[in-house]
């Protein structure tokens, strides 16, 4: 059976309001939450065949924290169309 997992980036930081949305980094809480999700995925041996992602900085940072193994990193495909996409586009 195939499974579909939908994940939003971890909590982003708003400490610098002049930062463009695309370049907004993760907050401390976001980093902590992403690491917790990484542990959960590892403990439950969840495997992904393909990971489609927005190329925004906070999304890439979330993925870097969650998928630390090279096997996962090679499965990530960044797609510009995902960034700010409407639900119907996704």
PDB file of N, CA and C in Angstrom:
ATOM      1  N   UNK A   1       0.841  -1.171   0.000  1.00  0.00           N
ATOM      2  CA  UNK A   1       0.000   0.000   0.000  1.00  0.00           C
ATOM      3  C   UNK A   1       0.893   1.243   0.000  1.00  0.00           C
ATOM      4  N   UNK A   2       0.498   2.241  -0.776  1.00  0.00           N
ATOM      5  CA  UNK A   2       1.212   3.516  -0.838  1.00  0.00           C
ATOM      6  C   UNK A   2       0.680   4.445   0.245  1.00  0.00           C
ATOM      7  N   UNK A   3       1.559   5.262   0.786  1.00  0.00           N
ATOM      8  CA  UNK A   3       1.186   6.266   1.782  1.00  0.00           C
ATOM      9  C   UNK A   3       1.631   7.630   1.288  1.00  0.00           C
ATOM     10  N   UNK A   4       0.856   8.626   1.627  1.00  0.00           N
ATOM     11  CA  UNK A   4       1.194  10.003   1.298  1.00  0.00           C
ATOM     12  C   UNK A   4       1.331  10.774   2.610  1.00  0.00           C
ATOM     13  N   UNK A   5       2.477  11.393   2.803  1.00  0.00           N
ATOM     14  CA  UNK A   5       2.720  12.215   3.984  1.00  0.00           C
ATOM     15  C   UNK A   5       2.821  13.661   3.535  1.00  0.00           C
ATOM     16  N   UNK A   6       2.093  14.532   4.182  1.00  0.00           N
ATOM     17  CA  UNK A   6       2.167  15.965   3.911  1.00  0.00           C
ATOM     18  C   UNK A   6       2.793  16.634   5.125  1.00  0.00           C
ATOM     19  N   UNK A   7       3.796  17.429   4.880  1.00  0.00           N
ATOM     20  CA  UNK A   7       4.520  18.075   5.967  1.00  0.00           C
ATOM     21  C   UNK A   7       4.730  19.539   5.639  1.00  0.00           C
ATOM     22  N   UNK A   8       4.417  20.368   6.581  1.00  0.00           N
ATOM     23  CA  UNK A   8       4.687  21.792   6.453  1.00  0.00           C
ATOM     24  C   UNK A   8       6.035  22.054   7.114  1.00  0.00           C
ATOM     25  N   UNK A   9       6.730  23.066   6.662  1.00  0.00           N
ATOM     26  CA  UNK A   9       8.017  23.397   7.278  1.00  0.00           C
ATOM     27  C   UNK A   9       7.824  23.656   8.767  1.00  0.00           C
ATOM     28  N   UNK A  10       8.901  23.508   9.516  1.00  0.00           N
ATOM     29  CA  UNK A  10       8.863  23.779  10.954  1.00  0.00           C
ATOM     30  C   UNK A  10       8.693  25.289  11.185  1.00  0.00           C
ATOM     31  N   UNK A  11       8.416  25.649  12.415  1.00  0.00           N
ATOM     32  CA  UNK A  11       8.159  27.043  12.792  1.00  0.00           C
ATOM     33  C   UNK A  11       9.305  27.947  12.344  1.00  0.00           C
ATOM     34  N   UNK A  12       8.937  28.991  11.619  1.00  0.00           N
ATOM     35  CA  UNK A  12       9.953  29.929  11.135  1.00  0.00           C
ATOM     36  C   UNK A  12      10.143  31.093  12.107  1.00  0.00           C
ATOM     37  N   UNK A  13      11.284  31.739  11.973  1.00  0.00           N
ATOM     38  CA  UNK A  13      11.627  32.866  12.837  1.00  0.00           C
ATOM     39  C   UNK A  13      11.161  34.178  12.208  1.00  0.00           C
ATOM     40  N   UNK A  14      10.605  35.032  13.038  1.00  0.00           N
ATOM     41  CA  UNK A  14      10.197  36.374  12.612  1.00  0.00           C
ATOM     42  C   UNK A  14      11.015  37.422  13.358  1.00  0.00           C
ATOM     43  N   UNK A  15      12.212  37.038  13.832  1.00  0.00           N
ATOM     44  CA  UNK A  15      13.027  37.965  14.623  1.00  0.00           C
ATOM     45  C   UNK A  15      13.524  39.155  13.799  1.00  0.00           C
ATOM     46  N   UNK A  16      13.609  38.965  12.483  1.00  0.00           N
ATOM     47  CA  UNK A  16      14.033  40.063  11.607  1.00  0.00           C
ATOM     48  C   UNK A  16      12.945  40.282  10.560  1.00  0.00           C
ATOM     49  N   UNK A  17      12.029  41.227  10.800  1.00  0.00           N
ATOM     50  CA  UNK A  17      10.914  41.452   9.883  1.00  0.00           C
ATOM     51  C   UNK A  17      11.342  41.889   8.483  1.00  0.00           C
ATOM     52  N   UNK A  18      12.580  42.319   8.315  1.00  0.00           N
ATOM     53  CA  UNK A  18      13.033  42.739   6.992  1.00  0.00           C
ATOM     54  C   UNK A  18      13.457  41.554   6.111  1.00  0.00           C
ATOM     55  N   UNK A  19      13.547  40.366   6.708  1.00  0.00           N
ATOM     56  CA  UNK A  19      13.925  39.182   5.940  1.00  0.00           C
ATOM     57  C   UNK A  19      12.807  38.824   4.974  1.00  0.00           C
ATOM     58  N   UNK A  20      13.147  38.633   3.717  1.00  0.00           N
ATOM     59  CA  UNK A  20      12.157  38.230   2.717  1.00  0.00           C
ATOM     60  C   UNK A  20      11.582  36.869   3.088  1.00  0.00           C
ATOM     61  N   UNK A  21      10.309  36.669   2.810  1.00  0.00           N
ATOM     62  CA  UNK A  21       9.618  35.433   3.185  1.00  0.00           C
ATOM     63  C   UNK A  21      10.371  34.189   2.722  1.00  0.00           C
ATOM     64  N   UNK A  22      10.848  34.177   1.494  1.00  0.00           N
ATOM     65  CA  UNK A  22      11.532  33.013   0.932  1.00  0.00           C
ATOM     66  C   UNK A  22      12.781  32.653   1.737  1.00  0.00           C
ATOM     67  N   UNK A  23      13.419  33.645   2.350  1.00  0.00           N
ATOM     68  CA  UNK A  23      14.678  33.441   3.063  1.00  0.00           C
ATOM     69  C   UNK A  23      14.527  33.361   4.586  1.00  0.00           C
ATOM     70  N   UNK A  24      13.302  33.285   5.066  1.00  0.00           N
ATOM     71  CA  UNK A  24      13.063  33.249   6.514  1.00  0.00           C
ATOM     72  C   UNK A  24      13.626  31.945   7.104  1.00  0.00           C
ATOM     73  N   UNK A  25      14.450  32.031   8.153  1.00  0.00           N
ATOM     74  CA  UNK A  25      15.028  30.833   8.778  1.00  0.00           C
ATOM     75  C   UNK A  25      14.069  30.186   9.780  1.00  0.00           C
ATOM     76  N   UNK A  26      14.480  29.069  10.319  1.00  0.00           N
ATOM     77  CA  UNK A  26      13.695  28.408  11.366  1.00  0.00           C
ATOM     78  C   UNK A  26      13.937  29.071  12.713  1.00  0.00           C
ATOM     79  N   UNK A  27      12.931  29.003  13.567  1.00  0.00           N
ATOM     80  CA  UNK A  27      13.084  29.485  14.945  1.00  0.00           C
ATOM     81  C   UNK A  27      13.720  28.367  15.776  1.00  0.00           C
ATOM     82  N   UNK A  28      14.089  28.674  16.999  1.00  0.00           N
ATOM     83  CA  UNK A  28      14.636  27.643  17.897  1.00  0.00           C
ATOM     84  C   UNK A  28      13.618  26.525  18.104  1.00  0.00           C
ATOM     85  N   UNK A  29      12.363  26.904  18.278  1.00  0.00           N
ATOM     86  CA  UNK A  29      11.302  25.904  18.451  1.00  0.00           C
ATOM     87  C   UNK A  29      11.164  25.048  17.184  1.00  0.00           C
ATOM     88  N   UNK A  30      11.262  25.673  16.020  1.00  0.00           N
ATOM     89  CA  UNK A  30      11.181  24.938  14.768  1.00  0.00           C
ATOM     90  C   UNK A  30      12.289  23.910  14.639  1.00  0.00           C
ATOM     91  N   UNK A  31      13.485  24.307  15.011  1.00  0.00           N
ATOM     92  CA  UNK A  31      14.627  23.380  14.964  1.00  0.00           C
ATOM     93  C   UNK A  31      14.387  22.198  15.897  1.00  0.00           C
ATOM     94  N   UNK A  32      13.943  22.483  17.110  1.00  0.00           N
ATOM     95  CA  UNK A  32      13.660  21.429  18.083  1.00  0.00           C
ATOM     96  C   UNK A  32      12.574  20.469  17.577  1.00  0.00           C
ATOM     97  N   UNK A  33      11.516  21.032  17.016  1.00  0.00           N
ATOM     98  CA  UNK A  33      10.424  20.197  16.501  1.00  0.00           C
ATOM     99  C   UNK A  33      10.873  19.331  15.331  1.00  0.00           C
ATOM    100  N   UNK A  34      11.687  19.886  14.446  1.00  0.00           N
ATOM    101  CA  UNK A  34      12.183  19.124  13.300  1.00  0.00           C
ATOM    102  C   UNK A  34      13.056  17.961  13.764  1.00  0.00           C
ATOM    103  N   UNK A  35      13.881  18.198  14.768  1.00  0.00           N
ATOM    104  CA  UNK A  35      14.716  17.121  15.303  1.00  0.00           C
ATOM    105  C   UNK A  35      13.863  16.036  15.958  1.00  0.00           C
ATOM    106  N   UNK A  36      12.790  16.434  16.614  1.00  0.00           N
ATOM    107  CA  UNK A  36      11.874  15.452  17.207  1.00  0.00           C
ATOM    108  C   UNK A  36      11.211  14.605  16.124  1.00  0.00           C
ATOM    109  N   UNK A  37      10.816  15.235  15.030  1.00  0.00           N
ATOM    110  CA  UNK A  37      10.204  14.496  13.926  1.00  0.00           C
ATOM    111  C   UNK A  37      11.213  13.549  13.293  1.00  0.00           C
ATOM    112  N   UNK A  38      12.453  13.968  13.188  1.00  0.00           N
ATOM    113  CA  UNK A  38      13.500  13.101  12.657  1.00  0.00           C
ATOM    114  C   UNK A  38      13.629  11.832  13.495  1.00  0.00           C
ATOM    115  N   UNK A  39      13.610  12.008  14.798  1.00  0.00           N
ATOM    116  CA  UNK A  39      13.706  10.867  15.717  1.00  0.00           C
ATOM    117  C   UNK A  39      12.503   9.944  15.539  1.00  0.00           C
ATOM    118  N   UNK A  40      11.315  10.503  15.411  1.00  0.00           N
ATOM    119  CA  UNK A  40      10.095   9.715  15.223  1.00  0.00           C
ATOM    120  C   UNK A  40      10.172   8.889  13.932  1.00  0.00           C
ATOM    121  N   UNK A  41      10.587   9.536  12.853  1.00  0.00           N
ATOM    122  CA  UNK A  41      10.688   8.849  11.564  1.00  0.00           C
ATOM    123  C   UNK A  41      11.688   7.702  11.655  1.00  0.00           C
ATOM    124  N   UNK A  42      12.808   7.942  12.306  1.00  0.00           N
ATOM    125  CA  UNK A  42      13.834   6.916  12.470  1.00  0.00           C
ATOM    126  C   UNK A  42      13.331   5.758  13.328  1.00  0.00           C
ATOM    127  N   UNK A  43      12.720   6.075  14.465  1.00  0.00           N
ATOM    128  CA  UNK A  43      12.233   5.032  15.379  1.00  0.00           C
ATOM    129  C   UNK A  43      11.135   4.174  14.742  1.00  0.00           C
ATOM    130  N   UNK A  44      10.327   4.777  13.883  1.00  0.00           N
ATOM    131  CA  UNK A  44       9.233   4.044  13.239  1.00  0.00           C
ATOM    132  C   UNK A  44       9.606   3.517  11.861  1.00  0.00           C
ATOM    133  N   UNK A  45      10.863   3.680  11.498  1.00  0.00           N
ATOM    134  CA  UNK A  45      11.411   3.169  10.241  1.00  0.00           C
ATOM    135  C   UNK A  45      10.539   3.535   9.038  1.00  0.00           C
ATOM    136  N   UNK A  46      10.165   4.799   8.986  1.00  0.00           N
ATOM    137  CA  UNK A  46       9.353   5.293   7.875  1.00  0.00           C
ATOM    138  C   UNK A  46      10.288   5.556   6.700  1.00  0.00           C
ATOM    139  N   UNK A  47       9.935   4.990   5.560  1.00  0.00           N
ATOM    140  CA  UNK A  47      10.753   5.107   4.354  1.00  0.00           C
ATOM    141  C   UNK A  47      10.006   5.951   3.324  1.00  0.00           C
ATOM    142  N   UNK A  48      10.736   6.793   2.615  1.00  0.00           N
ATOM    143  CA  UNK A  48      10.153   7.647   1.587  1.00  0.00           C
ATOM    144  C   UNK A  48      10.772   7.309   0.237  1.00  0.00           C
ATOM    145  N   UNK A  49       9.929   7.163  -0.775  1.00  0.00           N
ATOM    146  CA  UNK A  49      10.411   6.916  -2.131  1.00  0.00           C
ATOM    147  C   UNK A  49      10.762   8.218  -2.829  1.00  0.00           C
ATOM    148  N   UNK A  50      10.027   9.276  -2.508  1.00  0.00           N
ATOM    149  CA  UNK A  50      10.208  10.566  -3.157  1.00  0.00           C
ATOM    150  C   UNK A  50       9.768  11.661  -2.192  1.00  0.00           C
ATOM    151  N   UNK A  51      10.506  12.761  -2.188  1.00  0.00           N
ATOM    152  CA  UNK A  51      10.163  13.909  -1.359  1.00  0.00           C
ATOM    153  C   UNK A  51      10.123  15.128  -2.271  1.00  0.00           C
ATOM    154  N   UNK A  52       8.950  15.717  -2.409  1.00  0.00           N
ATOM    155  CA  UNK A  52       8.782  16.936  -3.202  1.00  0.00           C
ATOM    156  C   UNK A  52       8.738  18.108  -2.239  1.00  0.00           C
ATOM    157  N   UNK A  53       9.491  19.149  -2.530  1.00  0.00           N
ATOM    158  CA  UNK A  53       9.618  20.240  -1.587  1.00  0.00           C
ATOM    159  C   UNK A  53       9.721  21.599  -2.253  1.00  0.00           C
ATOM    160  N   UNK A  54       9.239  22.592  -1.537  1.00  0.00           N
ATOM    161  CA  UNK A  54       9.498  23.984  -1.887  1.00  0.00           C
ATOM    162  C   UNK A  54      10.992  24.242  -1.671  1.00  0.00           C
ATOM    163  N   UNK A  55      11.597  25.131  -2.438  1.00  0.00           N
ATOM    164  CA  UNK A  55      13.011  25.444  -2.226  1.00  0.00           C
ATOM    165  C   UNK A  55      13.269  26.550  -1.199  1.00  0.00           C
ATOM    166  N   UNK A  56      12.237  27.006  -0.469  1.00  0.00           N
ATOM    167  CA  UNK A  56      12.444  28.092   0.494  1.00  0.00           C
ATOM    168  C   UNK A  56      13.456  27.677   1.565  1.00  0.00           C
ATOM    169  N   UNK A  57      14.119  28.672   2.136  1.00  0.00           N
ATOM    170  CA  UNK A  57      15.176  28.402   3.110  1.00  0.00           C
ATOM    171  C   UNK A  57      14.667  27.610   4.318  1.00  0.00           C
ATOM    172  N   UNK A  58      13.520  27.995   4.869  1.00  0.00           N
ATOM    173  CA  UNK A  58      13.006  27.307   6.058  1.00  0.00           C
ATOM    174  C   UNK A  58      12.588  25.875   5.742  1.00  0.00           C
ATOM    175  N   UNK A  59      12.124  25.641   4.520  1.00  0.00           N
ATOM    176  CA  UNK A  59      11.735  24.293   4.129  1.00  0.00           C
ATOM    177  C   UNK A  59      12.973  23.419   3.951  1.00  0.00           C
ATOM    178  N   UNK A  60      13.984  23.952   3.309  1.00  0.00           N
ATOM    179  CA  UNK A  60      15.224  23.194   3.152  1.00  0.00           C
ATOM    180  C   UNK A  60      15.873  22.915   4.503  1.00  0.00           C
ATOM    181  N   UNK A  61      15.826  23.878   5.407  1.00  0.00           N
ATOM    182  CA  UNK A  61      16.390  23.680   6.750  1.00  0.00           C
ATOM    183  C   UNK A  61      15.621  22.595   7.503  1.00  0.00           C
ATOM    184  N   UNK A  62      14.307  22.597   7.355  1.00  0.00           N
ATOM    185  CA  UNK A  62      13.485  21.560   7.988  1.00  0.00           C
ATOM    186  C   UNK A  62      13.887  20.187   7.471  1.00  0.00           C
ATOM    187  N   UNK A  63      14.010  20.061   6.158  1.00  0.00           N
ATOM    188  CA  UNK A  63      14.399  18.778   5.563  1.00  0.00           C
ATOM    189  C   UNK A  63      15.793  18.349   5.994  1.00  0.00           C
ATOM    190  N   UNK A  64      16.718  19.302   6.059  1.00  0.00           N
ATOM    191  CA  UNK A  64      18.084  18.974   6.494  1.00  0.00           C
ATOM    192  C   UNK A  64      18.094  18.398   7.911  1.00  0.00           C
ATOM    193  N   UNK A  65      17.234  18.908   8.760  1.00  0.00           N
ATOM    194  CA  UNK A  65      17.178  18.418  10.142  1.00  0.00           C
ATOM    195  C   UNK A  65      16.447  17.081  10.251  1.00  0.00           C
ATOM    196  N   UNK A  66      15.429  16.901   9.429  1.00  0.00           N
ATOM    197  CA  UNK A  66      14.636  15.667   9.502  1.00  0.00           C
ATOM    198  C   UNK A  66      15.335  14.506   8.811  1.00  0.00           C
ATOM    199  N   UNK A  67      15.822  14.762   7.616  1.00  0.00           N
ATOM    200  CA  UNK A  67      16.405  13.698   6.803  1.00  0.00           C
ATOM    201  C   UNK A  67      17.919  13.850   6.762  1.00  0.00           C
ATOM    202  N   UNK A  68      18.577  13.377   7.804  1.00  0.00           N
ATOM    203  CA  UNK A  68      20.017  13.537   7.914  1.00  0.00           C
ATOM    204  C   UNK A  68      20.793  12.464   7.141  1.00  0.00           C
ATOM    205  N   UNK A  69      20.140  11.373   6.790  1.00  0.00           N
ATOM    206  CA  UNK A  69      20.815  10.286   6.085  1.00  0.00           C
ATOM    207  C   UNK A  69      20.880  10.574   4.591  1.00  0.00           C
ATOM    208  N   UNK A  70      21.970  10.205   3.948  1.00  0.00           N
ATOM    209  CA  UNK A  70      22.160  10.451   2.531  1.00  0.00           C
ATOM    210  C   UNK A  70      21.081   9.786   1.677  1.00  0.00           C
ATOM    211  N   UNK A  71      20.574   8.634   2.113  1.00  0.00           N
ATOM    212  CA  UNK A  71      19.542   7.938   1.346  1.00  0.00           C
ATOM    213  C   UNK A  71      18.321   8.828   1.142  1.00  0.00           C
ATOM    214  N   UNK A  72      17.948   9.587   2.153  1.00  0.00           N
ATOM    215  CA  UNK A  72      16.792  10.471   2.042  1.00  0.00           C
ATOM    216  C   UNK A  72      17.122  11.704   1.216  1.00  0.00           C
ATOM    217  N   UNK A  73      18.291  12.266   1.424  1.00  0.00           N
ATOM    218  CA  UNK A  73      18.653  13.506   0.749  1.00  0.00           C
ATOM    219  C   UNK A  73      18.653  13.350  -0.766  1.00  0.00           C
ATOM    220  N   UNK A  74      18.996  12.173  -1.257  1.00  0.00           N
ATOM    221  CA  UNK A  74      19.013  11.943  -2.699  1.00  0.00           C
ATOM    222  C   UNK A  74      17.601  11.847  -3.280  1.00  0.00           C
ATOM    223  N   UNK A  75      16.597  11.707  -2.434  1.00  0.00           N
ATOM    224  CA  UNK A  75      15.216  11.561  -2.894  1.00  0.00           C
ATOM    225  C   UNK A  75      14.448  12.886  -2.901  1.00  0.00           C
ATOM    226  N   UNK A  76      15.087  13.961  -2.478  1.00  0.00           N
ATOM    227  CA  UNK A  76      14.415  15.262  -2.410  1.00  0.00           C
ATOM    228  C   UNK A  76      14.475  15.953  -3.764  1.00  0.00           C
ATOM    229  N   UNK A  77      13.314  16.381  -4.249  1.00  0.00           N
ATOM    230  CA  UNK A  77      13.213  17.136  -5.501  1.00  0.00           C
ATOM    231  C   UNK A  77      12.597  18.485  -5.155  1.00  0.00           C
ATOM    232  N   UNK A  78      13.352  19.548  -5.375  1.00  0.00           N
ATOM    233  CA  UNK A  78      12.851  20.891  -5.091  1.00  0.00           C
ATOM    234  C   UNK A  78      12.091  21.410  -6.304  1.00  0.00           C
ATOM    235  N   UNK A  79      10.888  21.918  -6.052  1.00  0.00           N
ATOM    236  CA  UNK A  79      10.048  22.425  -7.128  1.00  0.00           C
ATOM    237  C   UNK A  79       9.545  23.816  -6.764  1.00  0.00           C
ATOM    238  N   UNK A  80       9.947  24.779  -7.561  1.00  0.00           N
ATOM    239  CA  UNK A  80       9.578  26.174  -7.342  1.00  0.00           C
ATOM    240  C   UNK A  80       8.066  26.358  -7.254  1.00  0.00           C
ATOM    241  N   UNK A  81       7.313  25.583  -8.030  1.00  0.00           N
ATOM    242  CA  UNK A  81       5.856  25.728  -8.089  1.00  0.00           C
ATOM    243  C   UNK A  81       5.179  25.443  -6.742  1.00  0.00           C
ATOM    244  N   UNK A  82       5.858  24.744  -5.855  1.00  0.00           N
ATOM    245  CA  UNK A  82       5.271  24.417  -4.548  1.00  0.00           C
ATOM    246  C   UNK A  82       5.251  25.639  -3.630  1.00  0.00           C
ATOM    247  N   UNK A  83       6.250  26.515  -3.783  1.00  0.00           N
ATOM    248  CA  UNK A  83       6.337  27.702  -2.937  1.00  0.00           C
ATOM    249  C   UNK A  83       5.142  28.615  -3.227  1.00  0.00           C
ATOM    250  N   UNK A  84       4.341  28.918  -2.247  1.00  0.00           N
ATOM    251  CA  UNK A  84       3.135  29.748  -2.358  1.00  0.00           C
ATOM    252  C   UNK A  84       2.051  29.131  -3.248  1.00  0.00           C
ATOM    253  N   UNK A  85       2.097  27.838  -3.441  1.00  0.00           N
ATOM    254  CA  UNK A  85       1.098  27.197  -4.305  1.00  0.00           C
ATOM    255  C   UNK A  85      -0.270  27.158  -3.637  1.00  0.00           C
ATOM    256  N   UNK A  86      -1.290  27.319  -4.433  1.00  0.00           N
ATOM    257  CA  UNK A  86      -2.674  27.167  -3.964  1.00  0.00           C
ATOM    258  C   UNK A  86      -2.956  25.681  -3.770  1.00  0.00           C
ATOM    259  N   UNK A  87      -3.940  25.350  -2.961  1.00  0.00           N
ATOM    260  CA  UNK A  87      -4.291  23.967  -2.698  1.00  0.00           C
ATOM    261  C   UNK A  87      -4.587  23.212  -3.997  1.00  0.00           C
ATOM    262  N   UNK A  88      -5.273  23.865  -4.924  1.00  0.00           N
ATOM    263  CA  UNK A  88      -5.617  23.199  -6.189  1.00  0.00           C
ATOM    264  C   UNK A  88      -4.382  22.871  -7.010  1.00  0.00           C
ATOM    265  N   UNK A  89      -3.323  23.662  -6.870  1.00  0.00           N
ATOM    266  CA  UNK A  89      -2.072  23.395  -7.584  1.00  0.00           C
ATOM    267  C   UNK A  89      -1.364  22.191  -6.985  1.00  0.00           C
ATOM    268  N   UNK A  90      -1.372  22.127  -5.653  1.00  0.00           N
ATOM    269  CA  UNK A  90      -0.714  21.002  -4.997  1.00  0.00           C
ATOM    270  C   UNK A  90      -1.426  19.714  -5.309  1.00  0.00           C
TER     271      UNK A  90
END
